[in-house]
Amino acid sequence: MSDLESEISRRKVLVGAGVAGATLGAATMTANAATGGDTNAPLMHELQILLDKQAITEVMMTYCRAVDHLNEDAVRAIFHPESQHRHGFSGPSSTTDGSEDFVGYALGFLRAFTRTHHQLGNIFIEIEDGGDVAFTEAYFTAFHRRRALGDPLAGEDATETEMDYFVAGRYLDRLEKRDGVWKITHRTGLTDWARLEEPTGEGLDEAPSWMAGQHGPEDLVYHRREEYQPIK
């Protein structure tokens, strides 16, 4: 199973758990109504909210993993087709006709770096009445090692040496649940602070190759199932 298939499968499991919980709740409510007892509807409602919040959190985490490994399919999978974006690029998040969109812009921008590391902090999720729309605020920090002049993949702002670019901010999203799956319809990226400085990767160059995270599909996370064989 591919990494993308694994991400989608896990989200379907979460949704399935919510459906199962709702079914159990309905059965309990019917039984309680027949016997004149109290229903568990409030409890089942809270359970569904927790399941939805977990599924939404995984959408956000999938974005970080996907952009760090330049996994285009995984990035596109978290946006509804008409989703809109404002984060260095203003327009559609992910088109289906090959026209300009955020995903193409972002991956082109990130290829100018040898490695990146996106990380989420505080995540606030508000599920709207009805349960199919959510608004979120997620704090992020990101590290980028910028390529130097002379590297064929270096960006237009490259300098004589590699540089470390740090940025922190927040993702403000609107998501919708369609056919039981949460995806983003609107995203705005806000920047709270940024810093550019000379690289400080002391010791990393001397580390064994397997220890260094890879900015692409060579990273161990994509090969761990083959790497981690059962201990006999």
C-alpha atoms as a PDB file:
ATOM      1  CA  MET A   1       0.000   0.000   0.000  1.00  0.00           C
ATOM      2  CA  SER A   2       1.414   3.399  -0.990  1.00  0.00           C
ATOM      3  CA  ASP A   3       1.848   6.228   1.503  1.00  0.00           C
ATOM      4  CA  LEU A   4      -1.012   8.173  -0.105  1.00  0.00           C
ATOM      5  CA  GLU A   5      -3.284   5.121  -0.041  1.00  0.00           C
ATOM      6  CA  SER A   6      -2.362   4.605   3.613  1.00  0.00           C
ATOM      7  CA  GLU A   7      -3.304   8.216   4.488  1.00  0.00           C
ATOM      8  CA  ILE A   8      -6.656   7.959   2.700  1.00  0.00           C
ATOM      9  CA  SER A   9      -7.356   4.543   4.194  1.00  0.00           C
ATOM     10  CA  ARG A  10      -6.727   5.806   7.732  1.00  0.00           C
ATOM     11  CA  ARG A  11      -9.099   8.714   7.246  1.00  0.00           C
ATOM     12  CA  LYS A  12     -11.752   6.317   5.946  1.00  0.00           C
ATOM     13  CA  VAL A  13     -11.289   4.206   9.077  1.00  0.00           C
ATOM     14  CA  LEU A  14     -11.901   7.278  11.224  1.00  0.00           C
ATOM     15  CA  VAL A  15     -15.023   8.131   9.260  1.00  0.00           C
ATOM     16  CA  GLY A  16     -16.160   4.524   9.454  1.00  0.00           C
ATOM     17  CA  ALA A  17     -15.719   4.592  13.200  1.00  0.00           C
ATOM     18  CA  GLY A  18     -17.926   7.652  13.323  1.00  0.00           C
ATOM     19  CA  VAL A  19     -20.602   5.926  11.246  1.00  0.00           C
ATOM     20  CA  ALA A  20     -20.391   2.858  13.455  1.00  0.00           C
ATOM     21  CA  GLY A  21     -20.687   5.033  16.533  1.00  0.00           C
ATOM     22  CA  ALA A  22     -23.697   6.803  15.093  1.00  0.00           C
ATOM     23  CA  THR A  23     -25.308   3.450  14.228  1.00  0.00           C
ATOM     24  CA  LEU A  24     -24.710   2.191  17.748  1.00  0.00           C
ATOM     25  CA  GLY A  25     -26.109   5.415  19.098  1.00  0.00           C
ATOM     26  CA  ALA A  26     -29.242   5.076  16.969  1.00  0.00           C
ATOM     27  CA  ALA A  27     -29.774   1.522  18.154  1.00  0.00           C
ATOM     28  CA  THR A  28     -29.296   2.587  21.760  1.00  0.00           C
ATOM     29  CA  MET A  29     -31.711   5.465  21.342  1.00  0.00           C
ATOM     30  CA  THR A  30     -34.342   3.130  19.870  1.00  0.00           C
ATOM     31  CA  ALA A  31     -33.937   0.678  22.715  1.00  0.00           C
ATOM     32  CA  ASN A  32     -34.068   3.409  25.320  1.00  0.00           C
ATOM     33  CA  ALA A  33     -37.146   4.953  23.739  1.00  0.00           C
ATOM     34  CA  ALA A  34     -38.911   1.598  23.830  1.00  0.00           C
ATOM     35  CA  THR A  35     -38.137   1.166  27.512  1.00  0.00           C
ATOM     36  CA  GLY A  36     -38.647   4.794  28.488  1.00  0.00           C
ATOM     37  CA  GLY A  37     -34.947   5.220  29.417  1.00  0.00           C
ATOM     38  CA  ASP A  38     -32.555   8.123  28.748  1.00  0.00           C
ATOM     39  CA  THR A  39     -30.900   8.327  25.333  1.00  0.00           C
ATOM     40  CA  ASN A  40     -27.175   8.566  24.610  1.00  0.00           C
ATOM     41  CA  ALA A  41     -27.583  11.080  21.786  1.00  0.00           C
ATOM     42  CA  PRO A  42     -25.453  13.817  23.421  1.00  0.00           C
ATOM     43  CA  LEU A  43     -22.642  11.340  24.035  1.00  0.00           C
ATOM     44  CA  MET A  44     -22.715  10.058  20.454  1.00  0.00           C
ATOM     45  CA  HIS A  45     -22.716  13.634  19.189  1.00  0.00           C
ATOM     46  CA  GLU A  46     -19.575  14.423  21.185  1.00  0.00           C
ATOM     47  CA  LEU A  47     -17.939  11.206  19.936  1.00  0.00           C
ATOM     48  CA  GLN A  48     -18.588  12.198  16.325  1.00  0.00           C
ATOM     49  CA  ILE A  49     -17.053  15.634  16.944  1.00  0.00           C
ATOM     50  CA  LEU A  50     -13.905  13.995  18.328  1.00  0.00           C
ATOM     51  CA  LEU A  51     -13.667  11.679  15.315  1.00  0.00           C
ATOM     52  CA  ASP A  52     -14.127  14.584  12.922  1.00  0.00           C
ATOM     53  CA  LYS A  53     -11.482  16.653  14.691  1.00  0.00           C
ATOM     54  CA  GLN A  54      -9.000  13.777  14.474  1.00  0.00           C
ATOM     55  CA  ALA A  55      -9.700  13.340  10.755  1.00  0.00           C
ATOM     56  CA  ILE A  56      -9.235  17.090  10.170  1.00  0.00           C
ATOM     57  CA  THR A  57      -5.966  17.075  12.128  1.00  0.00           C
ATOM     58  CA  GLU A  58      -4.676  14.281   9.894  1.00  0.00           C
ATOM     59  CA  VAL A  59      -5.530  16.327   6.803  1.00  0.00           C
ATOM     60  CA  MET A  60      -3.282  19.090   8.145  1.00  0.00           C
ATOM     61  CA  MET A  61      -0.477  16.701   9.076  1.00  0.00           C
ATOM     62  CA  THR A  62      -0.679  15.055   5.644  1.00  0.00           C
ATOM     63  CA  TYR A  63      -0.032  18.456   4.083  1.00  0.00           C
ATOM     64  CA  CYS A  64       3.198  18.899   6.085  1.00  0.00           C
ATOM     65  CA  ARG A  65       4.494  15.437   5.223  1.00  0.00           C
ATOM     66  CA  ALA A  66       3.556  15.759   1.559  1.00  0.00           C
ATOM     67  CA  VAL A  67       5.229  19.122   0.947  1.00  0.00           C
ATOM     68  CA  ASP A  68       8.384  18.052   2.796  1.00  0.00           C
ATOM     69  CA  HIS A  69       8.713  15.061   0.451  1.00  0.00           C
ATOM     70  CA  LEU A  70       7.435  16.812  -2.697  1.00  0.00           C
ATOM     71  CA  ASN A  71       4.623  14.261  -2.915  1.00  0.00           C
ATOM     72  CA  GLU A  72       2.303  15.961  -5.392  1.00  0.00           C
ATOM     73  CA  ASP A  73      -0.474  13.341  -5.304  1.00  0.00           C
ATOM     74  CA  ALA A  74      -0.674  13.507  -1.515  1.00  0.00           C
ATOM     75  CA  VAL A  75      -0.790  17.321  -1.500  1.00  0.00           C
ATOM     76  CA  ARG A  76      -3.575  17.435  -4.086  1.00  0.00           C
ATOM     77  CA  ALA A  77      -5.579  14.777  -2.217  1.00  0.00           C
ATOM     78  CA  ILE A  78      -6.320  17.090   0.723  1.00  0.00           C
ATOM     79  CA  PHE A  79      -8.075  19.815  -1.330  1.00  0.00           C
ATOM     80  CA  HIS A  80     -11.554  19.810  -2.822  1.00  0.00           C
ATOM     81  CA  PRO A  81     -11.421  20.584  -6.574  1.00  0.00           C
ATOM     82  CA  GLU A  82     -12.688  24.175  -6.258  1.00  0.00           C
ATOM     83  CA  SER A  83     -10.526  24.999  -3.217  1.00  0.00           C
ATOM     84  CA  GLN A  84      -8.994  28.499  -3.075  1.00  0.00           C
ATOM     85  CA  HIS A  85      -5.578  29.487  -1.712  1.00  0.00           C
ATOM     86  CA  ARG A  86      -3.735  32.586  -0.450  1.00  0.00           C
ATOM     87  CA  HIS A  87      -0.213  31.711   0.667  1.00  0.00           C
ATOM     88  CA  GLY A  88       2.444  33.137  -1.623  1.00  0.00           C
ATOM     89  CA  PHE A  89      -0.015  32.388  -4.421  1.00  0.00           C
ATOM     90  CA  SER A  90      -3.599  33.570  -4.827  1.00  0.00           C
ATOM     91  CA  GLY A  91      -5.970  31.353  -6.756  1.00  0.00           C
ATOM     92  CA  PRO A  92      -7.095  27.731  -6.962  1.00  0.00           C
ATOM     93  CA  SER A  93      -5.410  25.223  -4.655  1.00  0.00           C
ATOM     94  CA  SER A  94      -5.451  22.230  -6.996  1.00  0.00           C
ATOM     95  CA  THR A  95      -6.811  22.214 -10.530  1.00  0.00           C
ATOM     96  CA  THR A  96      -7.641  19.155 -12.631  1.00  0.00           C
ATOM     97  CA  ASP A  97      -6.929  20.658 -16.069  1.00  0.00           C
ATOM     98  CA  GLY A  98      -3.241  21.405 -15.578  1.00  0.00           C
ATOM     99  CA  SER A  99      -3.744  25.156 -15.181  1.00  0.00           C
ATOM    100  CA  GLU A 100      -1.778  27.226 -12.674  1.00  0.00           C
ATOM    101  CA  ASP A 101      -2.529  26.428  -9.043  1.00  0.00           C
ATOM    102  CA  PHE A 102      -1.042  26.547  -5.551  1.00  0.00           C
ATOM    103  CA  VAL A 103       0.225  22.964  -5.571  1.00  0.00           C
ATOM    104  CA  GLY A 104       2.288  23.565  -8.712  1.00  0.00           C
ATOM    105  CA  TYR A 105       3.557  26.875  -7.334  1.00  0.00           C
ATOM    106  CA  ALA A 106       4.472  25.407  -3.936  1.00  0.00           C
ATOM    107  CA  LEU A 107       6.323  22.374  -5.275  1.00  0.00           C
ATOM    108  CA  GLY A 108       8.257  24.545  -7.717  1.00  0.00           C
ATOM    109  CA  PHE A 109       9.194  26.894  -4.864  1.00  0.00           C
ATOM    110  CA  LEU A 110      10.253  24.045  -2.559  1.00  0.00           C
ATOM    111  CA  ARG A 111      12.532  22.435  -5.161  1.00  0.00           C
ATOM    112  CA  ALA A 112      14.859  25.409  -4.647  1.00  0.00           C
ATOM    113  CA  PHE A 113      15.671  23.898  -1.219  1.00  0.00           C
ATOM    114  CA  THR A 114      17.677  20.771  -0.448  1.00  0.00           C
ATOM    115  CA  ARG A 115      15.513  19.951   2.568  1.00  0.00           C
ATOM    116  CA  THR A 116      12.490  21.344   4.422  1.00  0.00           C
ATOM    117  CA  HIS A 117      10.726  20.600   7.692  1.00  0.00           C
ATOM    118  CA  HIS A 118       7.141  21.751   8.324  1.00  0.00           C
ATOM    119  CA  GLN A 119       5.745  21.283  11.815  1.00  0.00           C
ATOM    120  CA  LEU A 120       2.361  22.013  13.395  1.00  0.00           C
ATOM    121  CA  GLY A 121       1.794  23.341  16.904  1.00  0.00           C
ATOM    122  CA  ASN A 122      -1.497  24.601  18.317  1.00  0.00           C
ATOM    123  CA  ILE A 123      -4.498  23.416  16.314  1.00  0.00           C
ATOM    124  CA  PHE A 124      -7.953  24.888  16.906  1.00  0.00           C
ATOM    125  CA  ILE A 125     -10.925  23.259  15.158  1.00  0.00           C
ATOM    126  CA  GLU A 126     -14.480  24.561  15.186  1.00  0.00           C
ATOM    127  CA  ILE A 127     -17.122  22.189  13.784  1.00  0.00           C
ATOM    128  CA  GLU A 128     -20.134  24.112  12.497  1.00  0.00           C
ATOM    129  CA  ASP A 129     -23.721  23.093  13.270  1.00  0.00           C
ATOM    130  CA  GLY A 130     -24.635  20.270  10.929  1.00  0.00           C
ATOM    131  CA  GLY A 131     -21.199  18.678  11.210  1.00  0.00           C
ATOM    132  CA  ASP A 132     -20.058  18.985   7.575  1.00  0.00           C
ATOM    133  CA  VAL A 133     -18.187  22.318   7.733  1.00  0.00           C
ATOM    134  CA  ALA A 134     -15.226  23.260   9.938  1.00  0.00           C
ATOM    135  CA  PHE A 135     -13.009  26.311  10.456  1.00  0.00           C
ATOM    136  CA  THR A 136      -9.464  25.859  11.757  1.00  0.00           C
ATOM    137  CA  GLU A 137      -6.400  27.774  12.892  1.00  0.00           C
ATOM    138  CA  ALA A 138      -3.121  25.830  12.956  1.00  0.00           C
ATOM    139  CA  TYR A 139       0.209  27.282  14.091  1.00  0.00           C
ATOM    140  CA  PHE A 140       3.182  26.185  11.974  1.00  0.00           C
ATOM    141  CA  THR A 141       6.964  26.531  11.889  1.00  0.00           C
ATOM    142  CA  ALA A 142       9.006  25.606   8.838  1.00  0.00           C
ATOM    143  CA  PHE A 143      12.721  25.206   8.104  1.00  0.00           C
ATOM    144  CA  HIS A 144      14.208  25.423   4.593  1.00  0.00           C
ATOM    145  CA  ARG A 145      17.838  24.844   3.467  1.00  0.00           C
ATOM    146  CA  ARG A 146      18.202  27.108   0.413  1.00  0.00           C
ATOM    147  CA  ARG A 147      20.399  25.999  -2.489  1.00  0.00           C
ATOM    148  CA  ALA A 148      23.485  28.072  -3.365  1.00  0.00           C
ATOM    149  CA  LEU A 149      24.389  29.739  -6.657  1.00  0.00           C
ATOM    150  CA  GLY A 150      25.691  27.183  -9.122  1.00  0.00           C
ATOM    151  CA  ASP A 151      23.144  24.548  -8.147  1.00  0.00           C
ATOM    152  CA  PRO A 152      20.936  23.981 -11.213  1.00  0.00           C
ATOM    153  CA  LEU A 153      17.856  23.916  -8.958  1.00  0.00           C
ATOM    154  CA  ALA A 154      18.716  27.102  -7.070  1.00  0.00           C
ATOM    155  CA  GLY A 155      16.089  29.825  -6.928  1.00  0.00           C
ATOM    156  CA  GLU A 156      16.343  33.367  -8.263  1.00  0.00           C
ATOM    157  CA  ASP A 157      17.294  34.688  -4.808  1.00  0.00           C
ATOM    158  CA  ALA A 158      20.174  32.227  -4.313  1.00  0.00           C
ATOM    159  CA  THR A 159      23.429  33.474  -2.774  1.00  0.00           C
ATOM    160  CA  GLU A 160      27.054  32.289  -2.874  1.00  0.00           C
ATOM    161  CA  THR A 161      26.425  29.896   0.019  1.00  0.00           C
ATOM    162  CA  GLU A 162      23.496  27.833   1.210  1.00  0.00           C
ATOM    163  CA  MET A 163      21.192  29.639   3.618  1.00  0.00           C
ATOM    164  CA  ASP A 164      18.746  28.556   6.306  1.00  0.00           C
ATOM    165  CA  TYR A 165      15.303  30.123   6.010  1.00  0.00           C
ATOM    166  CA  PHE A 166      12.911  29.847   8.953  1.00  0.00           C
ATOM    167  CA  VAL A 167       9.295  30.973   8.881  1.00  0.00           C
ATOM    168  CA  ALA A 168       6.437  30.673  11.375  1.00  0.00           C
ATOM    169  CA  GLY A 169       2.797  31.518  11.025  1.00  0.00           C
ATOM    170  CA  ARG A 170      -0.691  30.080  10.913  1.00  0.00           C
ATOM    171  CA  TYR A 171      -2.879  28.237   8.435  1.00  0.00           C
ATOM    172  CA  LEU A 172      -6.497  29.446   8.481  1.00  0.00           C
ATOM    173  CA  ASP A 173      -8.663  26.832   6.771  1.00  0.00           C
ATOM    174  CA  ARG A 174     -12.242  26.076   5.902  1.00  0.00           C
ATOM    175  CA  LEU A 175     -12.991  22.382   5.351  1.00  0.00           C
ATOM    176  CA  GLU A 176     -16.006  20.411   4.196  1.00  0.00           C
ATOM    177  CA  LYS A 177     -16.870  16.770   4.760  1.00  0.00           C
ATOM    178  CA  ARG A 178     -18.199  15.216   1.548  1.00  0.00           C
ATOM    179  CA  ASP A 179     -19.036  11.530   1.237  1.00  0.00           C
ATOM    180  CA  GLY A 180     -17.553  11.121   4.712  1.00  0.00           C
ATOM    181  CA  VAL A 181     -14.143  12.625   3.832  1.00  0.00           C
ATOM    182  CA  TRP A 182     -12.814  15.981   5.085  1.00  0.00           C
ATOM    183  CA  LYS A 183     -10.890  18.192   2.632  1.00  0.00           C
ATOM    184  CA  ILE A 184      -9.893  21.860   2.500  1.00  0.00           C
ATOM    185  CA  THR A 185     -11.977  24.378   0.514  1.00  0.00           C
ATOM    186  CA  HIS A 186     -10.137  27.571   1.565  1.00  0.00           C
ATOM    187  CA  ARG A 187      -6.651  28.161   2.978  1.00  0.00           C
ATOM    188  CA  THR A 188      -4.894  31.405   3.897  1.00  0.00           C
ATOM    189  CA  GLY A 189      -1.335  31.324   5.195  1.00  0.00           C
ATOM    190  CA  LEU A 190      -0.338  34.061   7.643  1.00  0.00           C
ATOM    191  CA  THR A 191       3.306  34.820   8.503  1.00  0.00           C
ATOM    192  CA  ASP A 192       4.081  35.794  12.105  1.00  0.00           C
ATOM    193  CA  TRP A 193       7.886  35.864  11.853  1.00  0.00           C
ATOM    194  CA  ALA A 194      10.712  34.856   9.509  1.00  0.00           C
ATOM    195  CA  ARG A 195      14.512  34.632   9.683  1.00  0.00           C
ATOM    196  CA  LEU A 196      17.294  34.049   7.139  1.00  0.00           C
ATOM    197  CA  GLU A 197      20.782  33.078   8.307  1.00  0.00           C
ATOM    198  CA  GLU A 198      23.894  31.174   7.315  1.00  0.00           C
ATOM    199  CA  PRO A 199      23.549  27.391   7.623  1.00  0.00           C
ATOM    200  CA  THR A 200      24.248  25.805  10.985  1.00  0.00           C
ATOM    201  CA  GLY A 201      24.030  22.077  10.275  1.00  0.00           C
ATOM    202  CA  GLU A 202      27.031  21.083  12.367  1.00  0.00           C
ATOM    203  CA  GLY A 203      27.572  17.327  12.341  1.00  0.00           C
ATOM    204  CA  LEU A 204      24.936  16.554   9.727  1.00  0.00           C
ATOM    205  CA  ASP A 205      27.437  16.190   6.878  1.00  0.00           C
ATOM    206  CA  GLU A 206      29.380  13.597   8.886  1.00  0.00           C
ATOM    207  CA  ALA A 207      26.277  11.577   9.812  1.00  0.00           C
ATOM    208  CA  PRO A 208      25.545   8.308   7.989  1.00  0.00           C
ATOM    209  CA  SER A 209      23.303   8.723   4.951  1.00  0.00           C
ATOM    210  CA  TRP A 210      20.410   6.800   6.491  1.00  0.00           C
ATOM    211  CA  MET A 211      20.213   9.306   9.345  1.00  0.00           C
ATOM    212  CA  ALA A 212      19.563  12.355   7.149  1.00  0.00           C
ATOM    213  CA  GLY A 213      15.968  12.992   6.125  1.00  0.00           C
ATOM    214  CA  GLN A 214      15.493  13.181   2.366  1.00  0.00           C
ATOM    215  CA  HIS A 215      13.586  15.912   0.525  1.00  0.00           C
ATOM    216  CA  GLY A 216      11.795  13.441  -1.729  1.00  0.00           C
ATOM    217  CA  PRO A 217      10.642   9.829  -2.185  1.00  0.00           C
ATOM    218  CA  GLU A 218      14.039   8.459  -1.076  1.00  0.00           C
ATOM    219  CA  ASP A 219      13.137   9.219   2.556  1.00  0.00           C
ATOM    220  CA  LEU A 220      12.892   6.172   4.803  1.00  0.00           C
ATOM    221  CA  VAL A 221       9.213   6.832   5.595  1.00  0.00           C
ATOM    222  CA  TYR A 222       8.357   5.563   2.098  1.00  0.00           C
ATOM    223  CA  HIS A 223      10.400   2.372   2.478  1.00  0.00           C
ATOM    224  CA  ARG A 224       9.963   1.442   6.137  1.00  0.00           C
ATOM    225  CA  ARG A 225       7.669  -1.519   5.427  1.00  0.00           C
ATOM    226  CA  GLU A 226      10.423  -3.148   3.362  1.00  0.00           C
ATOM    227  CA  GLU A 227      13.141  -2.012   5.772  1.00  0.00           C
ATOM    228  CA  TYR A 228      11.472  -3.203   8.974  1.00  0.00           C
ATOM    229  CA  GLN A 229      11.208  -6.926   8.467  1.00  0.00           C
ATOM    230  CA  PRO A 230       9.676  -9.103  11.236  1.00  0.00           C
ATOM    231  CA  ILE A 231      12.206 -10.290  13.816  1.00  0.00           C
ATOM    232  CA  LYS A 232      12.384 -14.073  13.730  1.00  0.00           C
END
